[in-house]
Amino acid sequence: MRVYVFDEENELDLEMKVNEVLSDYDSDDIFDIKYSVAVTYDEREQIYCFSCMIIIK
């Protein structure tokens, strides 16, 4: 098995990286994909964290 973990501040950057990895594998090779969004506020702005874990057989 192989695991890829991505963490980006922008959902479009995350999408680009995930699609880049997935293009190297057939759908039968993909075991699972987990997606998460977290947000915090630091008194000036909201900070987003978009993350994804891909598990490949």
N, C-alpha and C. Protein backbone atom coordinates (compact mmCIF):
# COMPACT_ATOMS: atom_id res chain seq x y z
N MET A 1 0.83 -1.19 0.00
CA MET A 1 0.00 0.00 0.00
C MET A 1 0.87 1.25 0.00
N ARG A 2 0.30 2.30 -0.49
CA ARG A 2 0.97 3.60 -0.52
C ARG A 2 -0.02 4.64 -0.02
N VAL A 3 0.48 5.61 0.72
CA VAL A 3 -0.37 6.68 1.26
C VAL A 3 0.18 8.03 0.82
N TYR A 4 -0.71 8.87 0.36
CA TYR A 4 -0.39 10.25 0.01
C TYR A 4 -1.20 11.17 0.93
N VAL A 5 -0.58 12.18 1.48
CA VAL A 5 -1.26 13.16 2.33
C VAL A 5 -0.95 14.55 1.79
N PHE A 6 -2.00 15.33 1.61
CA PHE A 6 -1.87 16.69 1.10
C PHE A 6 -2.52 17.66 2.07
N ASP A 7 -1.95 18.85 2.15
CA ASP A 7 -2.48 19.90 3.02
C ASP A 7 -2.27 21.24 2.30
N GLU A 8 -3.37 21.91 1.99
CA GLU A 8 -3.29 23.16 1.24
C GLU A 8 -4.19 24.22 1.88
N GLU A 9 -3.85 25.47 1.63
CA GLU A 9 -4.67 26.57 2.13
C GLU A 9 -5.81 26.92 1.18
N ASN A 10 -5.78 26.36 -0.02
CA ASN A 10 -6.76 26.67 -1.05
C ASN A 10 -7.29 25.37 -1.61
N GLU A 11 -8.61 25.26 -1.76
CA GLU A 11 -9.20 24.01 -2.25
C GLU A 11 -8.81 23.71 -3.69
N LEU A 12 -8.56 24.72 -4.49
CA LEU A 12 -8.16 24.48 -5.88
C LEU A 12 -6.75 23.91 -5.96
N ASP A 13 -5.86 24.35 -5.08
CA ASP A 13 -4.51 23.77 -5.03
C ASP A 13 -4.57 22.31 -4.62
N LEU A 14 -5.42 22.01 -3.65
CA LEU A 14 -5.58 20.62 -3.21
C LEU A 14 -6.15 19.76 -4.35
N GLU A 15 -7.14 20.27 -5.01
CA GLU A 15 -7.74 19.55 -6.13
C GLU A 15 -6.71 19.22 -7.20
N MET A 16 -5.86 20.19 -7.53
CA MET A 16 -4.84 19.99 -8.54
C MET A 16 -3.86 18.88 -8.13
N LYS A 17 -3.40 18.91 -6.90
CA LYS A 17 -2.45 17.89 -6.43
C LYS A 17 -3.07 16.50 -6.38
N VAL A 18 -4.31 16.42 -5.90
CA VAL A 18 -5.00 15.13 -5.81
C VAL A 18 -5.20 14.56 -7.21
N ASN A 19 -5.67 15.37 -8.13
CA ASN A 19 -5.89 14.89 -9.50
C ASN A 19 -4.59 14.46 -10.17
N GLU A 20 -3.52 15.13 -9.85
CA GLU A 20 -2.21 14.75 -10.41
C GLU A 20 -1.81 13.35 -9.95
N VAL A 21 -1.99 13.05 -8.68
CA VAL A 21 -1.65 11.71 -8.17
C VAL A 21 -2.62 10.66 -8.72
N LEU A 22 -3.91 10.98 -8.71
CA LEU A 22 -4.90 10.00 -9.17
C LEU A 22 -4.73 9.65 -10.64
N SER A 23 -4.20 10.54 -11.42
CA SER A 23 -4.01 10.26 -12.85
C SER A 23 -3.00 9.14 -13.10
N ASP A 24 -2.17 8.84 -12.10
CA ASP A 24 -1.17 7.78 -12.23
C ASP A 24 -1.72 6.39 -11.89
N TYR A 25 -2.96 6.31 -11.42
CA TYR A 25 -3.52 5.04 -10.96
C TYR A 25 -4.87 4.76 -11.60
N ASP A 26 -5.17 3.47 -11.73
CA ASP A 26 -6.51 3.05 -12.15
C ASP A 26 -7.45 3.14 -10.96
N SER A 27 -8.73 3.27 -11.22
CA SER A 27 -9.70 3.37 -10.12
C SER A 27 -9.69 2.13 -9.23
N ASP A 28 -9.33 0.98 -9.79
CA ASP A 28 -9.25 -0.26 -8.99
C ASP A 28 -8.10 -0.21 -7.98
N ASP A 29 -7.10 0.63 -8.22
CA ASP A 29 -5.96 0.74 -7.33
C ASP A 29 -6.25 1.60 -6.09
N ILE A 30 -7.29 2.41 -6.17
CA ILE A 30 -7.58 3.35 -5.09
C ILE A 30 -8.38 2.64 -4.01
N PHE A 31 -7.80 2.57 -2.83
CA PHE A 31 -8.45 1.90 -1.70
C PHE A 31 -9.41 2.84 -0.98
N ASP A 32 -8.96 4.08 -0.71
CA ASP A 32 -9.81 5.02 0.03
C ASP A 32 -9.29 6.44 -0.15
N ILE A 33 -10.19 7.41 -0.02
CA ILE A 33 -9.84 8.83 -0.04
C ILE A 33 -10.57 9.50 1.12
N LYS A 34 -9.82 10.21 1.94
CA LYS A 34 -10.39 10.96 3.07
C LYS A 34 -10.15 12.44 2.81
N TYR A 35 -11.16 13.25 3.11
CA TYR A 35 -11.08 14.69 2.86
C TYR A 35 -11.50 15.42 4.12
N SER A 36 -10.83 16.53 4.41
CA SER A 36 -11.15 17.29 5.62
C SER A 36 -10.91 18.78 5.38
N VAL A 37 -11.73 19.59 6.06
CA VAL A 37 -11.57 21.04 6.03
C VAL A 37 -11.57 21.53 7.46
N ALA A 38 -10.60 22.38 7.79
CA ALA A 38 -10.54 23.00 9.12
C ALA A 38 -10.41 24.50 8.92
N VAL A 39 -10.97 25.24 9.87
CA VAL A 39 -10.88 26.70 9.79
C VAL A 39 -10.62 27.26 11.18
N THR A 40 -9.80 28.30 11.22
CA THR A 40 -9.51 28.98 12.47
C THR A 40 -9.46 30.47 12.20
N TYR A 41 -9.50 31.25 13.25
CA TYR A 41 -9.46 32.70 13.13
C TYR A 41 -8.34 33.22 14.02
N ASP A 42 -7.46 34.06 13.46
CA ASP A 42 -6.30 34.53 14.23
C ASP A 42 -6.38 36.04 14.54
N GLU A 43 -7.55 36.56 14.75
CA GLU A 43 -7.82 37.97 15.06
C GLU A 43 -7.69 38.89 13.85
N ARG A 44 -7.18 38.40 12.74
CA ARG A 44 -7.06 39.21 11.53
C ARG A 44 -7.83 38.62 10.37
N GLU A 45 -7.81 37.30 10.27
CA GLU A 45 -8.44 36.64 9.13
C GLU A 45 -8.77 35.20 9.45
N GLN A 46 -9.62 34.62 8.64
CA GLN A 46 -9.90 33.19 8.75
C GLN A 46 -8.82 32.44 7.99
N ILE A 47 -8.38 31.36 8.58
CA ILE A 47 -7.35 30.52 7.96
C ILE A 47 -7.96 29.15 7.69
N TYR A 48 -7.90 28.73 6.45
CA TYR A 48 -8.48 27.44 6.05
C TYR A 48 -7.37 26.42 5.84
N CYS A 49 -7.69 25.20 6.11
CA CYS A 49 -6.79 24.08 5.86
C CYS A 49 -7.60 22.98 5.17
N PHE A 50 -7.28 22.73 3.92
CA PHE A 50 -7.95 21.69 3.14
C PHE A 50 -6.96 20.52 3.06
N SER A 51 -7.39 19.35 3.48
CA SER A 51 -6.48 18.21 3.46
C SER A 51 -7.14 16.97 2.89
N CYS A 52 -6.30 16.11 2.38
CA CYS A 52 -6.78 14.89 1.77
C CYS A 52 -5.75 13.78 1.96
N MET A 53 -6.25 12.58 2.21
CA MET A 53 -5.38 11.41 2.28
C MET A 53 -5.89 10.41 1.27
N ILE A 54 -4.98 9.91 0.45
CA ILE A 54 -5.31 8.91 -0.57
C ILE A 54 -4.55 7.64 -0.22
N ILE A 55 -5.27 6.54 -0.14
CA ILE A 55 -4.64 5.24 0.14
C ILE A 55 -4.75 4.40 -1.13
N ILE A 56 -3.60 3.96 -1.62
CA ILE A 56 -3.51 3.18 -2.85
C ILE A 56 -3.14 1.74 -2.51
N LYS A 57 -3.82 0.81 -3.16
CA LYS A 57 -3.52 -0.62 -2.94
C LYS A 57 -2.17 -0.97 -3.55
